[in-house]
Amino acid sequence: MNSNPIFRVRALLAILALFLALPAAQAQWQKQSMTLKPGWNAVFLHVDASYTNLDALVDPTSPIKEI
């Protein structure tokens, strides 16, 4: 390893610059609603509902039985 103090400072600044250049990870909850017509409906969901089940997401009086 190089013991030159200028080399160490430059190396530390380079490592710091790399960490600051990394994009920050961002996440947030997103809700998506759709109006369904009677019969079959083709939909594309932009959300991940794997954290819960259908009963918690759909009104109990809804005719929706399966997604």
PDB file of N, CA and C in Angstrom:
ATOM      1  N   MET A   1       0.852  -1.180   0.000  1.00  0.00           N
ATOM      2  CA  MET A   1       0.000   0.000   0.000  1.00  0.00           C
ATOM      3  C   MET A   1       0.888   1.230   0.000  1.00  0.00           C
ATOM      4  N   ASN A   2       0.450   2.227  -0.686  1.00  0.00           N
ATOM      5  CA  ASN A   2       1.206   3.460  -0.802  1.00  0.00           C
ATOM      6  C   ASN A   2       1.055   4.284   0.474  1.00  0.00           C
ATOM      7  N   SER A   3       2.158   4.765   1.046  1.00  0.00           N
ATOM      8  CA  SER A   3       2.117   5.528   2.291  1.00  0.00           C
ATOM      9  C   SER A   3       2.140   7.025   2.036  1.00  0.00           C
ATOM     10  N   ASN A   4       2.092   7.433   0.785  1.00  0.00           N
ATOM     11  CA  ASN A   4       2.105   8.849   0.433  1.00  0.00           C
ATOM     12  C   ASN A   4       0.784   9.480   0.888  1.00  0.00           C
ATOM     13  N   PRO A   5       0.823  10.538   1.733  1.00  0.00           N
ATOM     14  CA  PRO A   5      -0.429  11.129   2.239  1.00  0.00           C
ATOM     15  C   PRO A   5      -1.283  11.748   1.130  1.00  0.00           C
ATOM     16  N   ILE A   6      -0.666  12.288   0.099  1.00  0.00           N
ATOM     17  CA  ILE A   6      -1.433  12.871  -1.005  1.00  0.00           C
ATOM     18  C   ILE A   6      -2.192  11.768  -1.743  1.00  0.00           C
ATOM     19  N   PHE A   7      -1.552  10.614  -1.927  1.00  0.00           N
ATOM     20  CA  PHE A   7      -2.206   9.477  -2.579  1.00  0.00           C
ATOM     21  C   PHE A   7      -3.416   9.029  -1.769  1.00  0.00           C
ATOM     22  N   ARG A   8      -3.271   8.960  -0.439  1.00  0.00           N
ATOM     23  CA  ARG A   8      -4.376   8.522   0.425  1.00  0.00           C
ATOM     24  C   ARG A   8      -5.547   9.501   0.358  1.00  0.00           C
ATOM     25  N   VAL A   9      -5.248  10.787   0.353  1.00  0.00           N
ATOM     26  CA  VAL A   9      -6.320  11.783   0.281  1.00  0.00           C
ATOM     27  C   VAL A   9      -7.041  11.681  -1.066  1.00  0.00           C
ATOM     28  N   ARG A  10      -6.283  11.543  -2.137  1.00  0.00           N
ATOM     29  CA  ARG A  10      -6.899  11.410  -3.460  1.00  0.00           C
ATOM     30  C   ARG A  10      -7.736  10.136  -3.556  1.00  0.00           C
ATOM     31  N   ALA A  11      -7.223   9.048  -2.998  1.00  0.00           N
ATOM     32  CA  ALA A  11      -7.973   7.788  -3.020  1.00  0.00           C
ATOM     33  C   ALA A  11      -9.261   7.919  -2.214  1.00  0.00           C
ATOM     34  N   LEU A  12      -9.178   8.560  -1.055  1.00  0.00           N
ATOM     35  CA  LEU A  12     -10.364   8.762  -0.228  1.00  0.00           C
ATOM     36  C   LEU A  12     -11.384   9.651  -0.944  1.00  0.00           C
ATOM     37  N   LEU A  13     -10.927  10.703  -1.596  1.00  0.00           N
ATOM     38  CA  LEU A  13     -11.828  11.575  -2.341  1.00  0.00           C
ATOM     39  C   LEU A  13     -12.465  10.844  -3.526  1.00  0.00           C
ATOM     40  N   ALA A  14     -11.701   9.981  -4.181  1.00  0.00           N
ATOM     41  CA  ALA A  14     -12.240   9.209  -5.293  1.00  0.00           C
ATOM     42  C   ALA A  14     -13.329   8.252  -4.813  1.00  0.00           C
ATOM     43  N   ILE A  15     -13.095   7.584  -3.700  1.00  0.00           N
ATOM     44  CA  ILE A  15     -14.098   6.666  -3.144  1.00  0.00           C
ATOM     45  C   ILE A  15     -15.340   7.441  -2.716  1.00  0.00           C
ATOM     46  N   LEU A  16     -15.145   8.589  -2.085  1.00  0.00           N
ATOM     47  CA  LEU A  16     -16.268   9.418  -1.665  1.00  0.00           C
ATOM     48  C   LEU A  16     -17.073   9.894  -2.879  1.00  0.00           C
ATOM     49  N   ALA A  17     -16.399  10.283  -3.938  1.00  0.00           N
ATOM     50  CA  ALA A  17     -17.084  10.721  -5.154  1.00  0.00           C
ATOM     51  C   ALA A  17     -17.901   9.597  -5.762  1.00  0.00           C
ATOM     52  N   LEU A  18     -17.390   8.368  -5.722  1.00  0.00           N
ATOM     53  CA  LEU A  18     -18.141   7.228  -6.255  1.00  0.00           C
ATOM     54  C   LEU A  18     -19.432   6.998  -5.476  1.00  0.00           C
ATOM     55  N   PHE A  19     -19.349   7.077  -4.151  1.00  0.00           N
ATOM     56  CA  PHE A  19     -20.543   6.874  -3.342  1.00  0.00           C
ATOM     57  C   PHE A  19     -21.556   7.990  -3.549  1.00  0.00           C
ATOM     58  N   LEU A  20     -21.088   9.216  -3.714  1.00  0.00           N
ATOM     59  CA  LEU A  20     -22.010  10.329  -3.928  1.00  0.00           C
ATOM     60  C   LEU A  20     -22.640  10.287  -5.312  1.00  0.00           C
ATOM     61  N   ALA A  21     -21.967   9.652  -6.260  1.00  0.00           N
ATOM     62  CA  ALA A  21     -22.487   9.579  -7.624  1.00  0.00           C
ATOM     63  C   ALA A  21     -23.549   8.484  -7.781  1.00  0.00           C
ATOM     64  N   LEU A  22     -23.625   7.564  -6.844  1.00  0.00           N
ATOM     65  CA  LEU A  22     -24.625   6.495  -6.931  1.00  0.00           C
ATOM     66  C   LEU A  22     -26.015   7.087  -6.759  1.00  0.00           C
ATOM     67  N   PRO A  23     -26.971   6.666  -7.563  1.00  0.00           N
ATOM     68  CA  PRO A  23     -28.326   7.201  -7.412  1.00  0.00           C
ATOM     69  C   PRO A  23     -28.951   6.684  -6.116  1.00  0.00           C
ATOM     70  N   ALA A  24     -29.699   7.533  -5.485  1.00  0.00           N
ATOM     71  CA  ALA A  24     -30.374   7.150  -4.244  1.00  0.00           C
ATOM     72  C   ALA A  24     -31.575   6.270  -4.578  1.00  0.00           C
ATOM     73  N   ALA A  25     -31.745   5.212  -3.836  1.00  0.00           N
ATOM     74  CA  ALA A  25     -32.896   4.328  -4.035  1.00  0.00           C
ATOM     75  C   ALA A  25     -34.121   4.986  -3.417  1.00  0.00           C
ATOM     76  N   GLN A  26     -35.189   5.041  -4.170  1.00  0.00           N
ATOM     77  CA  GLN A  26     -36.420   5.636  -3.681  1.00  0.00           C
ATOM     78  C   GLN A  26     -37.556   4.654  -3.888  1.00  0.00           C
ATOM     79  N   ALA A  27     -38.446   4.618  -2.920  1.00  0.00           N
ATOM     80  CA  ALA A  27     -39.610   3.750  -3.020  1.00  0.00           C
ATOM     81  C   ALA A  27     -40.771   4.414  -2.310  1.00  0.00           C
ATOM     82  N   GLN A  28     -41.957   4.120  -2.748  1.00  0.00           N
ATOM     83  CA  GLN A  28     -43.134   4.624  -2.081  1.00  0.00           C
ATOM     84  C   GLN A  28     -44.308   3.734  -2.450  1.00  0.00           C
ATOM     85  N   TRP A  29     -45.345   3.797  -1.644  1.00  0.00           N
ATOM     86  CA  TRP A  29     -46.549   3.029  -1.919  1.00  0.00           C
ATOM     87  C   TRP A  29     -47.283   3.678  -3.074  1.00  0.00           C
ATOM     88  N   GLN A  30     -47.872   2.858  -3.897  1.00  0.00           N
ATOM     89  CA  GLN A  30     -48.626   3.344  -5.044  1.00  0.00           C
ATOM     90  C   GLN A  30     -49.953   2.616  -5.084  1.00  0.00           C
ATOM     91  N   LYS A  31     -51.017   3.350  -5.331  1.00  0.00           N
ATOM     92  CA  LYS A  31     -52.343   2.748  -5.462  1.00  0.00           C
ATOM     93  C   LYS A  31     -52.770   2.847  -6.911  1.00  0.00           C
ATOM     94  N   GLN A  32     -53.489   1.828  -7.362  1.00  0.00           N
ATOM     95  CA  GLN A  32     -53.993   1.818  -8.729  1.00  0.00           C
ATOM     96  C   GLN A  32     -55.430   1.317  -8.703  1.00  0.00           C
ATOM     97  N   SER A  33     -56.319   2.055  -9.305  1.00  0.00           N
ATOM     98  CA  SER A  33     -57.734   1.676  -9.364  1.00  0.00           C
ATOM     99  C   SER A  33     -58.146   1.499 -10.816  1.00  0.00           C
ATOM    100  N   MET A  34     -59.109   0.599 -11.028  1.00  0.00           N
ATOM    101  CA  MET A  34     -59.625   0.361 -12.376  1.00  0.00           C
ATOM    102  C   MET A  34     -61.132   0.189 -12.314  1.00  0.00           C
ATOM    103  N   THR A  35     -61.798   0.683 -13.339  1.00  0.00           N
ATOM    104  CA  THR A  35     -63.227   0.471 -13.477  1.00  0.00           C
ATOM    105  C   THR A  35     -63.421  -0.754 -14.356  1.00  0.00           C
ATOM    106  N   LEU A  36     -64.099  -1.760 -13.817  1.00  0.00           N
ATOM    107  CA  LEU A  36     -64.302  -3.012 -14.544  1.00  0.00           C
ATOM    108  C   LEU A  36     -65.699  -3.066 -15.137  1.00  0.00           C
ATOM    109  N   LYS A  37     -65.801  -3.646 -16.301  1.00  0.00           N
ATOM    110  CA  LYS A  37     -67.079  -3.854 -16.971  1.00  0.00           C
ATOM    111  C   LYS A  37     -67.540  -5.279 -16.704  1.00  0.00           C
ATOM    112  N   PRO A  38     -68.834  -5.558 -16.789  1.00  0.00           N
ATOM    113  CA  PRO A  38     -69.314  -6.933 -16.581  1.00  0.00           C
ATOM    114  C   PRO A  38     -68.662  -7.885 -17.588  1.00  0.00           C
ATOM    115  N   GLY A  39     -68.306  -9.050 -17.118  1.00  0.00           N
ATOM    116  CA  GLY A  39     -67.652 -10.041 -17.976  1.00  0.00           C
ATOM    117  C   GLY A  39     -66.146 -10.051 -17.737  1.00  0.00           C
ATOM    118  N   TRP A  40     -65.413 -10.421 -18.761  1.00  0.00           N
ATOM    119  CA  TRP A  40     -63.960 -10.510 -18.658  1.00  0.00           C
ATOM    120  C   TRP A  40     -63.327  -9.147 -18.908  1.00  0.00           C
ATOM    121  N   ASN A  41     -62.302  -8.820 -18.128  1.00  0.00           N
ATOM    122  CA  ASN A  41     -61.586  -7.561 -18.270  1.00  0.00           C
ATOM    123  C   ASN A  41     -60.096  -7.860 -18.312  1.00  0.00           C
ATOM    124  N   ALA A  42     -59.435  -7.361 -19.330  1.00  0.00           N
ATOM    125  CA  ALA A  42     -57.974  -7.486 -19.392  1.00  0.00           C
ATOM    126  C   ALA A  42     -57.375  -6.247 -18.733  1.00  0.00           C
ATOM    127  N   VAL A  43     -56.529  -6.466 -17.745  1.00  0.00           N
ATOM    128  CA  VAL A  43     -55.914  -5.341 -17.035  1.00  0.00           C
ATOM    129  C   VAL A  43     -54.424  -5.591 -16.887  1.00  0.00           C
ATOM    130  N   PHE A  44     -53.683  -4.513 -16.775  1.00  0.00           N
ATOM    131  CA  PHE A  44     -52.248  -4.589 -16.484  1.00  0.00           C
ATOM    132  C   PHE A  44     -52.004  -3.778 -15.230  1.00  0.00           C
ATOM    133  N   LEU A  45     -51.535  -4.437 -14.193  1.00  0.00           N
ATOM    134  CA  LEU A  45     -51.306  -3.762 -12.924  1.00  0.00           C
ATOM    135  C   LEU A  45     -49.876  -3.238 -12.850  1.00  0.00           C
ATOM    136  N   HIS A  46     -49.736  -1.992 -12.451  1.00  0.00           N
ATOM    137  CA  HIS A  46     -48.423  -1.382 -12.270  1.00  0.00           C
ATOM    138  C   HIS A  46     -47.982  -1.467 -10.818  1.00  0.00           C
ATOM    139  N   VAL A  47     -48.686  -2.250 -10.040  1.00  0.00           N
ATOM    140  CA  VAL A  47     -48.386  -2.366  -8.611  1.00  0.00           C
ATOM    141  C   VAL A  47     -48.158  -3.824  -8.252  1.00  0.00           C
ATOM    142  N   ASP A  48     -47.514  -4.043  -7.130  1.00  0.00           N
ATOM    143  CA  ASP A  48     -47.265  -5.393  -6.617  1.00  0.00           C
ATOM    144  C   ASP A  48     -48.132  -5.582  -5.379  1.00  0.00           C
ATOM    145  N   ALA A  49     -49.095  -6.469  -5.461  1.00  0.00           N
ATOM    146  CA  ALA A  49     -49.998  -6.710  -4.335  1.00  0.00           C
ATOM    147  C   ALA A  49     -49.656  -8.003  -3.616  1.00  0.00           C
ATOM    148  N   SER A  50     -48.433  -8.462  -3.722  1.00  0.00           N
ATOM    149  CA  SER A  50     -48.057  -9.737  -3.114  1.00  0.00           C
ATOM    150  C   SER A  50     -47.983  -9.668  -1.592  1.00  0.00           C
ATOM    151  N   TYR A  51     -48.047  -8.465  -1.016  1.00  0.00           N
ATOM    152  CA  TYR A  51     -47.950  -8.316   0.433  1.00  0.00           C
ATOM    153  C   TYR A  51     -49.269  -8.595   1.135  1.00  0.00           C
ATOM    154  N   THR A  52     -50.350  -8.769   0.379  1.00  0.00           N
ATOM    155  CA  THR A  52     -51.665  -8.975   0.980  1.00  0.00           C
ATOM    156  C   THR A  52     -52.477  -9.944   0.120  1.00  0.00           C
ATOM    157  N   ASN A  53     -53.731 -10.168   0.498  1.00  0.00           N
ATOM    158  CA  ASN A  53     -54.582 -11.071  -0.284  1.00  0.00           C
ATOM    159  C   ASN A  53     -55.752 -10.303  -0.903  1.00  0.00           C
ATOM    160  N   LEU A  54     -56.538 -10.972  -1.728  1.00  0.00           N
ATOM    161  CA  LEU A  54     -57.634 -10.332  -2.444  1.00  0.00           C
ATOM    162  C   LEU A  54     -58.704  -9.797  -1.499  1.00  0.00           C
ATOM    163  N   ASP A  55     -58.973 -10.499  -0.423  1.00  0.00           N
ATOM    164  CA  ASP A  55     -60.014 -10.068   0.518  1.00  0.00           C
ATOM    165  C   ASP A  55     -59.696  -8.703   1.128  1.00  0.00           C
ATOM    166  N   ALA A  56     -58.433  -8.409   1.335  1.00  0.00           N
ATOM    167  CA  ALA A  56     -58.052  -7.126   1.924  1.00  0.00           C
ATOM    168  C   ALA A  56     -58.080  -5.997   0.897  1.00  0.00           C
ATOM    169  N   LEU A  57     -58.032  -6.319  -0.381  1.00  0.00           N
ATOM    170  CA  LEU A  57     -57.974  -5.294  -1.432  1.00  0.00           C
ATOM    171  C   LEU A  57     -59.319  -4.972  -2.057  1.00  0.00           C
ATOM    172  N   VAL A  58     -60.237  -5.933  -2.050  1.00  0.00           N
ATOM    173  CA  VAL A  58     -61.517  -5.776  -2.756  1.00  0.00           C
ATOM    174  C   VAL A  58     -62.646  -5.724  -1.736  1.00  0.00           C
ATOM    175  N   ASP A  59     -63.610  -4.865  -2.002  1.00  0.00           N
ATOM    176  CA  ASP A  59     -64.789  -4.736  -1.150  1.00  0.00           C
ATOM    177  C   ASP A  59     -65.485  -6.106  -1.036  1.00  0.00           C
ATOM    178  N   PRO A  60     -65.861  -6.526   0.168  1.00  0.00           N
ATOM    179  CA  PRO A  60     -66.496  -7.851   0.340  1.00  0.00           C
ATOM    180  C   PRO A  60     -67.796  -8.011  -0.430  1.00  0.00           C
ATOM    181  N   THR A  61     -68.488  -6.920  -0.749  1.00  0.00           N
ATOM    182  CA  THR A  61     -69.744  -7.035  -1.497  1.00  0.00           C
ATOM    183  C   THR A  61     -69.504  -7.068  -3.001  1.00  0.00           C
ATOM    184  N   SER A  62     -68.259  -6.967  -3.424  1.00  0.00           N
ATOM    185  CA  SER A  62     -67.919  -6.970  -4.852  1.00  0.00           C
ATOM    186  C   SER A  62     -68.095  -8.369  -5.443  1.00  0.00           C
ATOM    187  N   PRO A  63     -68.501  -8.448  -6.718  1.00  0.00           N
ATOM    188  CA  PRO A  63     -68.642  -9.752  -7.359  1.00  0.00           C
ATOM    189  C   PRO A  63     -67.301 -10.338  -7.780  1.00  0.00           C
ATOM    190  N   ILE A  64     -66.220  -9.633  -7.569  1.00  0.00           N
ATOM    191  CA  ILE A  64     -64.883 -10.143  -7.949  1.00  0.00           C
ATOM    192  C   ILE A  64     -64.529 -11.303  -7.031  1.00  0.00           C
ATOM    193  N   LYS A  65     -64.196 -12.424  -7.633  1.00  0.00           N
ATOM    194  CA  LYS A  65     -63.869 -13.635  -6.877  1.00  0.00           C
ATOM    195  C   LYS A  65     -62.413 -14.046  -7.061  1.00  0.00           C
ATOM    196  N   GLU A  66     -61.804 -13.634  -8.160  1.00  0.00           N
ATOM    197  CA  GLU A  66     -60.482 -14.125  -8.484  1.00  0.00           C
ATOM    198  C   GLU A  66     -59.765 -13.130  -9.389  1.00  0.00           C
ATOM    199  N   ILE A  67     -58.478 -12.984  -9.173  1.00  0.00           N
ATOM    200  CA  ILE A  67     -57.644 -12.147 -10.048  1.00  0.00           C
ATOM    201  C   ILE A  67     -56.446 -12.978 -10.466  1.00  0.00           C
TER     202      ILE A  67
END
